[in-house]
Amino acid sequence: MNLRKSISLDEEYLKKIEPLVQKHNGNLSAVIREIIDLAEVALKDPDSVKRVILGLRNKQSLTSSTLAWALKNLAGRQPDKETVHNIIGNDIYSISFLEKRLNELMGEVYWDSSIKISSDDERQPKNASFIITGKNPDMNRFLGAISAVFSSLKYNLGISSIRSLNDSFEMYMEQGEKEWAQKSIYDNFGYMEHAFSELYKKPDFWNIMLTLYSKMNYDMVTIPEQHFEEILGGRTSHKITTCIERFYGRPVNQIPLEELLIKMKYIYQYTGIIENADIDKETLIIHHSFTEPEAIKKLAGMFVELLRLSGHAYSSATSRNLIILKPIPVAGKILIRMIGELRTTEKEFENYHLELLKMLDMIKNMPSNDELIRSLGGEFGKMIIQNYQRNKTINSWDEETFIMYMQETGAILKQDSKWEIIGRNVIRGKIAVSAMIRSDIMINNPNCIFIKGMIDEWISHAFGEQIEIVHTMPEAGNEFWEIYIALRL
């Protein structure tokens, strides 16, 4: 049989074989050889070819639908090294060869995607861009993950930015330290790895917890067991640091302040302790949903203590829905340190008068900040009454015990005062204006605020928040400061 080796093809047939022509870079002979190979397979099993064609024509075919479903549910899962090498191979020697290999893979019937890679160097790239085009965004992203993992392993490239559109996925990579490069891949493609790992380890636990959180509309609080135990025991807890330290793998005093404030915002927001937080330089503004004044006060104190344990002195101001934490000036930090030392040393109770005078002298050098000065007075007052309660082994407070404390403490602090019960559940205190409050004929406002904070802390420590306090503040010409305490029992 004589065969003609020249072939005549009109435009219709050239369009049909265009994908193969592109695959073989215009080499028509290679295209014909591949068509012959396909024809050989078809002739051996015509029925199987018909089934393949039928499947390709059906957009809801099992293979394509399963692949689309699987990739959609792989979001946040990073392909492992073995999978990437199995897909791409180990013989890639240049960026252009990587692009060629990926396009060959993406040209397969169910992928229907293509990739364009640009770099500053073919064999040792320091910068590269990847643009993947295809109709399915989940497929595009998965192919981007494959490319990123391979580039990280071979070239130490990490992700600098990503942009995902409906029909394209753009990824820009640059060379960096191996640890950073791998973390950037994880942050962009593997951010759900740990979550899925835990879900698979304890499916029953997470089914219950996730259902509970959903039904409770996420109105839940998560705290460590030791922290909860201390709260039940009525003890001051340092365990509020536990979540941050475990999550980030280092003690709070090793975390820079700027970074710590960000971590506090997110950890305590997602554990349900706070609603949200805003950061203004070194100030942390906490939004909360608590309504009990005592609970709000204790929460503010916990955050102040956390920051103290991290090496930063802060004061707190509270309102109905906000807790504002501000750094204390240098003089305030010294006062906090002095109070801390008094709390832990066995200093004679009688020496507190001298310590009070030192503190009143120091607040002269502080910027005008009534809330801060009141907070410092409260800290000093808390230290005094806690030490007194411990030394006197007081288990609970009532009106008589409190009056005895105020009289004894007033004498030590050289405050001429008188305290008495004037009605059912009402206590009145009358404090003579002393040199600590008066300066010549003027009232020393900062000193007055400091002492008011100190006395308010004593009242709060003894009776909690179920009280009403009325202060008749000293003014020029008024020699007494009156305080009325009504107990709501």
Protein backbone atom coordinates (compact mmCIF):
# COMPACT_ATOMS: atom_id res chain seq x y z
CA MET A 1 0.00 0.00 0.00
CA ASN A 2 1.32 3.40 -0.99
CA LEU A 3 0.83 6.08 1.73
CA ARG A 4 0.78 9.82 1.23
CA LYS A 5 2.95 11.45 3.93
CA SER A 6 1.71 14.95 3.23
CA ILE A 7 -1.46 15.90 5.17
CA SER A 8 -4.04 18.52 4.25
CA LEU A 9 -6.08 20.00 7.16
CA ASP A 10 -8.64 22.79 6.90
CA GLU A 11 -9.26 25.41 9.64
CA GLU A 12 -11.96 23.34 11.38
CA TYR A 13 -9.59 20.45 12.16
CA LEU A 14 -6.69 22.73 13.03
CA LYS A 15 -8.86 24.30 15.75
CA LYS A 16 -9.68 20.86 17.14
CA ILE A 17 -6.03 19.96 17.60
CA GLU A 18 -4.97 23.44 18.81
CA PRO A 19 -4.43 22.28 22.45
CA LEU A 20 -2.04 19.55 21.25
CA VAL A 21 -0.26 22.00 18.92
CA GLN A 22 0.35 24.33 21.89
CA LYS A 23 1.48 21.42 24.05
CA HIS A 24 4.11 20.43 21.45
CA ASN A 25 5.13 24.04 20.72
CA GLY A 26 3.85 23.93 17.14
CA ASN A 27 5.53 20.64 16.25
CA LEU A 28 2.83 19.14 14.03
CA SER A 29 4.69 15.85 13.66
CA ALA A 30 4.63 15.35 17.44
CA VAL A 31 0.93 16.19 17.45
CA ILE A 32 0.20 13.54 14.81
CA ARG A 33 2.22 10.94 16.72
CA GLU A 34 0.21 11.57 19.87
CA ILE A 35 -3.07 11.39 17.95
CA ILE A 36 -1.95 8.02 16.53
CA ASP A 37 -1.16 6.75 20.03
CA LEU A 38 -4.60 7.83 21.22
CA ALA A 39 -6.22 6.19 18.21
CA GLU A 40 -4.41 2.93 18.98
CA VAL A 41 -5.89 2.90 22.48
CA ALA A 42 -9.33 3.74 21.11
CA LEU A 43 -9.24 0.91 18.58
CA LYS A 44 -8.31 -1.62 21.25
CA ASP A 45 -11.27 -0.69 23.51
CA PRO A 46 -13.81 1.53 21.73
CA ASP A 47 -16.37 1.24 24.54
CA SER A 48 -14.01 2.65 27.17
CA VAL A 49 -13.30 5.65 24.96
CA LYS A 50 -17.02 6.27 24.58
CA ARG A 51 -17.43 6.20 28.36
CA VAL A 52 -14.59 8.71 28.81
CA ILE A 53 -16.07 11.05 26.21
CA LEU A 54 -19.50 10.77 27.81
CA GLY A 55 -17.98 11.65 31.19
CA LEU A 56 -16.14 14.64 29.77
CA ARG A 57 -19.30 15.98 28.18
CA ASN A 58 -21.22 15.68 31.46
CA LYS A 59 -20.25 18.62 33.70
CA GLN A 60 -21.61 16.79 36.74
CA SER A 61 -19.40 13.76 36.21
CA LEU A 62 -18.29 11.91 39.36
CA THR A 63 -14.59 12.71 38.93
CA SER A 64 -14.88 16.46 38.32
CA SER A 65 -17.57 16.95 40.98
CA THR A 66 -15.59 14.99 43.55
CA LEU A 67 -12.43 16.93 42.77
CA ALA A 68 -14.22 20.28 43.05
CA TRP A 69 -15.83 19.26 46.37
CA ALA A 70 -12.55 17.98 47.81
CA LEU A 71 -10.58 21.11 46.88
CA LYS A 72 -13.28 23.40 48.28
CA ASN A 73 -13.02 21.58 51.61
CA LEU A 74 -9.21 21.61 51.57
CA ALA A 75 -9.10 25.37 52.21
CA GLY A 76 -6.56 25.99 54.97
CA ARG A 77 -4.89 22.59 54.50
CA GLN A 78 -1.31 22.71 53.24
CA PRO A 79 -0.08 19.97 50.87
CA ASP A 80 2.76 18.00 52.49
CA LYS A 81 6.22 17.59 50.95
CA GLU A 82 5.61 14.05 49.74
CA THR A 83 2.40 15.00 47.93
CA VAL A 84 4.09 17.97 46.25
CA HIS A 85 7.02 15.85 45.05
CA ASN A 86 4.66 13.16 43.78
CA ILE A 87 2.78 15.76 41.76
CA ILE A 88 5.67 17.82 40.40
CA GLY A 89 8.57 15.36 40.52
CA ASN A 90 12.18 15.79 41.61
CA ASP A 91 13.77 16.70 38.28
CA ILE A 92 12.92 20.42 38.14
CA TYR A 93 16.07 22.43 37.35
CA SER A 94 14.72 25.88 36.45
CA ILE A 95 11.74 28.18 36.84
CA SER A 96 10.77 27.83 33.19
CA PHE A 97 10.85 24.02 33.51
CA LEU A 98 8.67 24.28 36.63
CA GLU A 99 6.19 26.38 34.65
CA LYS A 100 6.23 23.85 31.78
CA ARG A 101 5.66 20.91 34.16
CA LEU A 102 2.82 22.64 35.96
CA ASN A 103 1.11 23.64 32.72
CA GLU A 104 1.31 20.02 31.54
CA LEU A 105 -0.37 18.93 34.75
CA MET A 106 -2.93 21.74 34.68
CA GLY A 107 -3.80 20.95 31.10
CA GLU A 108 -5.34 17.70 32.24
CA VAL A 109 -9.04 17.52 31.64
CA TYR A 110 -10.33 18.17 35.18
CA TRP A 111 -7.98 21.03 36.04
CA ASP A 112 -8.48 23.36 33.09
CA SER A 113 -5.99 25.89 34.47
CA SER A 114 -2.72 27.45 33.37
CA ILE A 115 0.19 29.16 35.12
CA LYS A 116 2.64 31.93 34.22
CA ILE A 117 5.79 32.26 36.36
CA SER A 118 8.17 35.24 36.19
CA SER A 119 11.42 35.47 38.16
CA ASP A 120 14.64 37.45 38.38
CA ASP A 121 16.75 34.34 37.82
CA GLU A 122 16.01 31.02 36.14
CA ARG A 123 17.96 28.74 38.47
CA GLN A 124 18.44 30.72 41.71
CA PRO A 125 15.45 33.07 41.94
CA LYS A 126 15.22 35.64 44.72
CA ASN A 127 11.86 36.96 43.57
CA ALA A 128 9.10 35.26 41.61
CA SER A 129 5.49 35.87 40.66
CA PHE A 130 2.92 33.15 39.96
CA ILE A 131 -0.30 33.87 38.07
CA ILE A 132 -2.71 30.94 37.84
CA THR A 133 -5.74 31.27 35.60
CA GLY A 134 -8.75 28.97 35.70
CA LYS A 135 -12.51 28.94 36.20
CA ASN A 136 -12.46 27.22 39.60
CA PRO A 137 -10.93 29.44 42.36
CA ASP A 138 -10.48 26.46 44.71
CA MET A 139 -8.43 24.63 42.07
CA ASN A 140 -6.41 27.79 41.41
CA ARG A 141 -5.63 28.16 45.12
CA PHE A 142 -4.65 24.51 45.52
CA LEU A 143 -2.31 24.74 42.53
CA GLY A 144 -0.90 27.92 44.11
CA ALA A 145 -0.25 25.97 47.32
CA ILE A 146 1.54 23.22 45.37
CA SER A 147 3.72 25.84 43.67
CA ALA A 148 4.42 27.66 46.94
CA VAL A 149 5.45 24.55 48.89
CA PHE A 150 7.76 23.42 46.08
CA SER A 151 9.34 26.89 45.71
CA SER A 152 9.86 27.14 49.46
CA LEU A 153 11.61 23.78 49.63
CA LYS A 154 13.79 24.26 46.56
CA TYR A 155 14.52 28.00 46.53
CA ASN A 156 13.73 29.20 50.11
CA LEU A 157 11.03 31.45 48.69
CA GLY A 158 8.35 32.74 51.04
CA ILE A 159 5.06 34.47 50.27
CA SER A 160 5.09 38.26 50.34
CA SER A 161 1.56 38.79 49.04
CA ILE A 162 -1.43 36.97 47.55
CA ARG A 163 -4.40 38.19 45.54
CA SER A 164 -7.30 35.92 44.66
CA LEU A 165 -9.94 36.79 42.06
CA ASN A 166 -12.76 34.74 40.58
CA ASP A 167 -10.77 33.34 37.66
CA SER A 168 -7.17 33.99 38.68
CA PHE A 169 -4.82 33.57 41.62
CA GLU A 170 -1.75 35.80 41.96
CA MET A 171 1.10 35.00 44.34
CA TYR A 172 4.33 36.90 44.87
CA MET A 173 7.29 35.24 46.56
CA GLU A 174 10.71 36.38 47.73
CA GLN A 175 13.75 34.70 49.19
CA GLY A 176 14.25 34.77 52.95
CA GLU A 177 15.19 32.73 55.99
CA LYS A 178 13.97 29.14 55.84
CA GLU A 179 11.86 29.51 58.99
CA TRP A 180 10.15 32.66 57.69
CA ALA A 181 9.55 31.12 54.26
CA GLN A 182 7.88 28.04 55.73
CA LYS A 183 5.80 30.11 58.15
CA SER A 184 4.55 32.32 55.33
CA ILE A 185 3.39 29.21 53.46
CA TYR A 186 1.65 27.91 56.59
CA ASP A 187 -0.02 31.25 57.33
CA ASN A 188 -1.47 31.44 53.82
CA PHE A 189 -2.25 27.81 53.04
CA GLY A 190 -1.97 25.78 56.27
CA TYR A 191 -3.81 27.96 58.75
CA MET A 192 -6.40 25.21 59.45
CA GLU A 193 -3.92 22.34 59.82
CA HIS A 194 -3.76 22.41 63.63
CA ALA A 195 -7.53 22.86 63.94
CA PHE A 196 -8.27 19.83 61.75
CA SER A 197 -5.62 17.80 63.56
CA GLU A 198 -7.33 18.46 66.89
CA LEU A 199 -10.78 17.80 65.41
CA TYR A 200 -9.68 14.37 64.21
CA LYS A 201 -8.01 13.56 67.55
CA LYS A 202 -11.11 14.29 69.65
CA PRO A 203 -14.14 14.36 67.34
CA ASP A 204 -16.70 13.70 70.11
CA PHE A 205 -15.33 16.54 72.27
CA TRP A 206 -15.31 19.07 69.43
CA ASN A 207 -18.74 18.04 68.19
CA ILE A 208 -20.16 18.83 71.64
CA MET A 209 -18.17 22.04 72.08
CA LEU A 210 -18.88 23.46 68.63
CA THR A 211 -22.58 22.65 68.94
CA LEU A 212 -22.66 24.25 72.39
CA TYR A 213 -20.87 27.40 71.22
CA SER A 214 -23.22 27.68 68.26
CA LYS A 215 -26.38 27.25 70.37
CA MET A 216 -25.02 29.73 72.95
CA ASN A 217 -24.31 32.20 70.14
CA TYR A 218 -20.65 32.12 71.28
CA ASP A 219 -21.62 33.75 74.59
CA MET A 220 -19.07 31.58 76.42
CA VAL A 221 -15.81 32.14 78.32
CA THR A 222 -12.79 29.82 78.15
CA ILE A 223 -10.28 29.94 81.01
CA PRO A 224 -7.60 27.52 82.31
CA GLU A 225 -8.65 25.06 85.00
CA GLN A 226 -6.14 26.46 87.55
CA HIS A 227 -7.46 29.98 86.95
CA PHE A 228 -11.03 28.77 87.51
CA GLU A 229 -10.01 26.99 90.71
CA GLU A 230 -8.42 30.15 92.09
CA ILE A 231 -11.57 32.13 91.26
CA LEU A 232 -13.72 29.55 93.07
CA GLY A 233 -11.37 29.77 96.03
CA GLY A 234 -11.72 33.56 96.11
CA ARG A 235 -8.01 34.05 95.64
CA THR A 236 -6.26 36.66 93.51
CA SER A 237 -5.15 34.85 90.38
CA HIS A 238 -1.95 35.21 88.36
CA LYS A 239 -3.15 32.48 85.98
CA ILE A 240 -4.63 35.00 83.54
CA THR A 241 -1.22 34.91 81.83
CA THR A 242 -1.48 31.17 81.15
CA CYS A 243 -3.40 31.40 77.87
CA ILE A 244 -1.01 33.91 76.31
CA GLU A 245 2.10 32.08 77.52
CA ARG A 246 0.92 28.66 76.29
CA PHE A 247 -0.36 29.98 72.96
CA TYR A 248 2.79 31.92 72.10
CA GLY A 249 5.28 29.64 73.84
CA ARG A 250 7.07 32.14 76.07
CA PRO A 251 6.57 34.02 79.37
CA VAL A 252 4.74 37.37 79.19
CA ASN A 253 7.83 39.21 80.47
CA GLN A 254 9.66 38.15 77.30
CA ILE A 255 7.02 39.60 74.95
CA PRO A 256 7.57 43.23 73.83
CA LEU A 257 4.78 45.56 74.99
CA GLU A 258 3.51 46.43 71.50
CA GLU A 259 3.25 42.73 70.63
CA LEU A 260 1.75 41.85 74.03
CA LEU A 261 -1.11 44.34 73.67
CA ILE A 262 -2.02 42.82 70.30
CA LYS A 263 -1.92 39.31 71.76
CA MET A 264 -4.09 40.39 74.71
CA LYS A 265 -6.63 41.86 72.31
CA TYR A 266 -7.05 38.66 70.29
CA ILE A 267 -6.58 35.97 72.96
CA TYR A 268 -9.05 37.47 75.42
CA GLN A 269 -11.50 38.41 72.69
CA TYR A 270 -11.65 34.88 71.29
CA THR A 271 -11.74 33.24 74.72
CA GLY A 272 -14.84 35.33 75.45
CA ILE A 273 -13.39 37.34 78.35
CA ILE A 274 -13.82 40.64 76.49
CA GLU A 275 -15.94 41.79 73.56
CA ASN A 276 -13.19 43.65 71.70
CA ALA A 277 -10.24 45.95 72.28
CA ASP A 278 -8.70 49.01 70.64
CA ILE A 279 -5.02 49.88 70.88
CA ASP A 280 -3.92 53.53 70.90
CA LYS A 281 -0.13 53.54 71.11
CA GLU A 282 0.44 52.04 74.60
CA THR A 283 -3.15 52.44 75.79
CA LEU A 284 -5.51 49.44 75.69
CA ILE A 285 -9.23 50.24 75.49
CA ILE A 286 -11.24 47.13 76.37
CA HIS A 287 -14.91 46.72 75.44
CA HIS A 288 -16.83 44.34 77.69
CA SER A 289 -20.42 43.24 78.30
CA PHE A 290 -20.32 42.78 82.08
CA THR A 291 -22.85 44.61 84.26
CA GLU A 292 -21.73 43.86 87.83
CA PRO A 293 -19.46 46.71 89.07
CA GLU A 294 -17.42 44.33 91.24
CA ALA A 295 -16.86 41.99 88.28
CA ILE A 296 -15.73 44.87 86.06
CA LYS A 297 -13.37 46.09 88.75
CA LYS A 298 -11.87 42.64 89.22
CA LEU A 299 -11.45 42.17 85.48
CA ALA A 300 -9.62 45.51 85.24
CA GLY A 301 -7.43 44.43 88.16
CA MET A 302 -6.60 41.15 86.42
CA PHE A 303 -5.38 42.97 83.32
CA VAL A 304 -3.36 45.44 85.42
CA GLU A 305 -1.77 42.45 87.18
CA LEU A 306 -1.04 40.72 83.86
CA LEU A 307 0.75 43.82 82.60
CA ARG A 308 2.62 44.12 85.90
CA LEU A 309 3.81 40.52 85.56
CA SER A 310 5.03 41.41 82.07
CA GLY A 311 7.11 44.24 83.56
CA HIS A 312 4.81 47.17 82.75
CA ALA A 313 3.02 49.39 85.28
CA TYR A 314 -0.52 50.33 84.22
CA SER A 315 -3.52 52.00 85.80
CA SER A 316 -7.15 51.23 84.99
CA ALA A 317 -10.29 53.29 84.64
CA THR A 318 -13.66 51.57 84.31
CA SER A 319 -17.09 52.51 83.04
CA ARG A 320 -20.25 50.66 82.15
CA ASN A 321 -18.85 49.11 78.98
CA LEU A 322 -15.16 50.09 78.92
CA ILE A 323 -11.93 49.39 80.75
CA ILE A 324 -9.13 51.79 79.85
CA LEU A 325 -5.59 50.68 80.67
CA LYS A 326 -2.93 53.38 80.53
CA PRO A 327 0.80 53.20 81.29
CA ILE A 328 1.78 54.83 84.55
CA PRO A 329 4.40 57.63 84.47
CA VAL A 330 7.83 57.04 85.98
CA ALA A 331 6.84 58.40 89.39
CA GLY A 332 3.80 56.15 89.39
CA LYS A 333 5.93 53.14 88.53
CA ILE A 334 8.15 53.89 91.51
CA LEU A 335 5.06 54.10 93.74
CA ILE A 336 3.78 50.76 92.44
CA ARG A 337 7.17 49.19 93.14
CA MET A 338 7.21 50.67 96.66
CA ILE A 339 3.72 49.31 97.34
CA GLY A 340 4.76 45.90 96.03
CA GLU A 341 7.76 45.85 98.34
CA LEU A 342 5.60 46.85 101.31
CA ARG A 343 3.19 44.04 100.46
CA THR A 344 5.93 41.40 100.55
CA THR A 345 8.09 42.68 103.42
CA GLU A 346 7.40 42.39 107.14
CA LYS A 347 7.47 46.14 107.72
CA GLU A 348 5.98 47.42 110.99
CA PHE A 349 2.39 48.59 110.59
CA GLU A 350 3.33 51.82 112.38
CA ASN A 351 5.69 52.78 109.55
CA TYR A 352 2.87 53.22 107.01
CA HIS A 353 2.55 56.90 107.95
CA LEU A 354 6.08 57.60 106.71
CA GLU A 355 5.42 55.61 103.53
CA LEU A 356 2.23 57.57 102.92
CA LEU A 357 4.09 60.87 103.26
CA LYS A 358 6.69 59.67 100.73
CA MET A 359 3.98 58.78 98.25
CA LEU A 360 2.12 62.06 98.65
CA ASP A 361 5.40 63.85 98.06
CA MET A 362 6.06 61.86 94.88
CA ILE A 363 2.70 62.53 93.25
CA LYS A 364 3.65 66.22 93.14
CA ASN A 365 5.93 65.31 90.22
CA MET A 366 3.28 63.39 88.33
CA PRO A 367 1.18 64.77 85.45
CA SER A 368 -2.35 65.74 86.43
CA ASN A 369 -4.39 62.53 86.17
CA ASP A 370 -7.12 62.11 88.78
CA GLU A 371 -7.95 58.52 87.80
CA LEU A 372 -4.30 57.43 88.01
CA ILE A 373 -3.78 59.09 91.38
CA ARG A 374 -7.00 57.52 92.70
CA SER A 375 -5.83 54.12 91.41
CA LEU A 376 -2.46 54.48 93.14
CA GLY A 377 -4.22 55.45 96.37
CA GLY A 378 -6.38 52.36 95.97
CA GLU A 379 -3.31 50.14 95.55
CA PHE A 380 -1.72 51.57 98.69
CA GLY A 381 -4.99 51.15 100.60
CA LYS A 382 -5.38 47.56 99.38
CA MET A 383 -1.90 46.69 100.62
CA ILE A 384 -2.61 48.15 104.08
CA ILE A 385 -5.98 46.46 104.63
CA GLN A 386 -4.78 43.10 103.28
CA ASN A 387 -1.79 43.13 105.63
CA TYR A 388 -4.04 44.20 108.53
CA GLN A 389 -6.53 41.41 107.77
CA ARG A 390 -3.75 38.84 107.60
CA ASN A 391 -2.11 40.03 110.84
CA LYS A 392 -5.43 40.17 112.73
CA THR A 393 -6.67 36.89 111.15
CA ILE A 394 -9.96 38.48 110.11
CA ASN A 395 -12.18 36.03 108.24
CA SER A 396 -15.09 38.36 107.51
CA TRP A 397 -15.90 42.04 107.88
CA ASP A 398 -18.85 43.68 109.60
CA GLU A 399 -19.58 47.25 110.72
CA GLU A 400 -17.83 46.91 114.10
CA THR A 401 -14.70 45.27 112.63
CA PHE A 402 -14.46 47.96 109.97
CA ILE A 403 -14.86 50.81 112.47
CA MET A 404 -12.11 49.30 114.65
CA TYR A 405 -9.85 49.06 111.57
CA MET A 406 -10.52 52.68 110.58
CA GLN A 407 -9.80 53.96 114.06
CA GLU A 408 -6.57 51.99 114.44
CA THR A 409 -5.35 52.84 110.94
CA GLY A 410 -6.35 56.50 111.33
CA ALA A 411 -4.22 56.73 114.45
CA ILE A 412 -1.21 55.16 112.70
CA LEU A 413 -1.58 57.44 109.67
CA LYS A 414 -2.07 60.42 112.03
CA GLN A 415 -5.58 61.08 110.77
CA ASP A 416 -7.90 62.57 113.38
CA SER A 417 -11.08 60.68 112.57
CA LYS A 418 -14.23 59.37 114.19
CA TRP A 419 -16.32 56.48 112.86
CA GLU A 420 -19.72 55.37 114.13
CA ILE A 421 -22.92 53.53 113.19
CA ILE A 422 -25.64 56.19 112.89
CA GLY A 423 -28.52 54.07 111.66
CA ARG A 424 -29.47 50.68 110.39
CA ASN A 425 -26.60 49.60 108.08
CA VAL A 426 -25.24 53.17 107.82
CA ILE A 427 -21.72 54.15 108.91
CA ARG A 428 -20.47 57.72 109.14
CA GLY A 429 -16.83 58.77 109.17
CA LYS A 430 -15.66 62.26 110.09
CA ILE A 431 -12.03 63.01 109.21
CA ALA A 432 -10.34 66.22 110.27
CA VAL A 433 -8.54 68.01 107.48
CA SER A 434 -4.81 67.51 108.11
CA ALA A 435 -1.61 68.95 106.68
CA MET A 436 -1.59 66.00 104.27
CA ILE A 437 -4.68 67.43 102.57
CA ARG A 438 -4.40 71.15 103.26
CA SER A 439 -1.60 73.31 101.89
CA ASP A 440 -1.73 76.71 103.62
CA ILE A 441 -5.37 77.74 103.17
CA MET A 442 -5.83 75.69 99.97
CA ILE A 443 -6.96 72.08 99.62
CA ASN A 444 -4.23 69.91 98.04
CA ASN A 445 -6.36 68.20 95.42
CA PRO A 446 -3.93 65.39 94.34
CA ASN A 447 -3.36 64.40 97.99
CA CYS A 448 -7.09 64.47 98.60
CA ILE A 449 -7.73 62.24 95.59
CA PHE A 450 -5.00 59.78 96.65
CA ILE A 451 -6.43 59.45 100.18
CA LYS A 452 -9.98 59.16 98.81
CA GLY A 453 -8.83 56.28 96.58
CA MET A 454 -7.21 54.67 99.60
CA ILE A 455 -10.36 54.93 101.75
CA ASP A 456 -12.65 53.78 98.92
CA GLU A 457 -10.50 50.67 98.55
CA TRP A 458 -10.82 49.95 102.28
CA ILE A 459 -14.61 50.22 102.06
CA SER A 460 -14.78 48.10 98.92
CA HIS A 461 -12.47 45.44 100.40
CA ALA A 462 -14.60 45.16 103.54
CA PHE A 463 -18.10 45.29 102.03
CA GLY A 464 -17.75 44.64 98.30
CA GLU A 465 -19.85 46.63 95.85
CA GLN A 466 -23.16 46.26 97.70
CA ILE A 467 -22.75 49.73 99.19
CA GLU A 468 -23.43 53.38 98.50
CA ILE A 469 -20.77 55.92 99.42
CA VAL A 470 -21.31 59.64 99.81
CA HIS A 471 -18.28 61.89 100.26
CA THR A 472 -18.58 65.43 101.57
CA MET A 473 -15.24 66.63 100.26
CA PRO A 474 -13.26 69.20 102.27
CA GLU A 475 -13.31 72.75 100.98
CA ALA A 476 -11.68 75.98 102.08
CA GLY A 477 -13.11 76.90 105.47
CA ASN A 478 -14.41 73.37 106.10
CA GLU A 479 -12.33 71.54 108.69
CA PHE A 480 -13.89 68.10 108.22
CA TRP A 481 -14.32 65.49 105.53
CA GLU A 482 -17.43 63.37 105.99
CA ILE A 483 -18.06 59.92 104.51
CA TYR A 484 -21.37 58.04 104.65
CA ILE A 485 -21.49 54.31 103.88
CA ALA A 486 -24.89 52.68 103.32
CA LEU A 487 -24.79 48.88 103.22
CA ARG A 488 -27.31 47.23 100.89
CA LEU A 489 -27.92 43.93 102.66
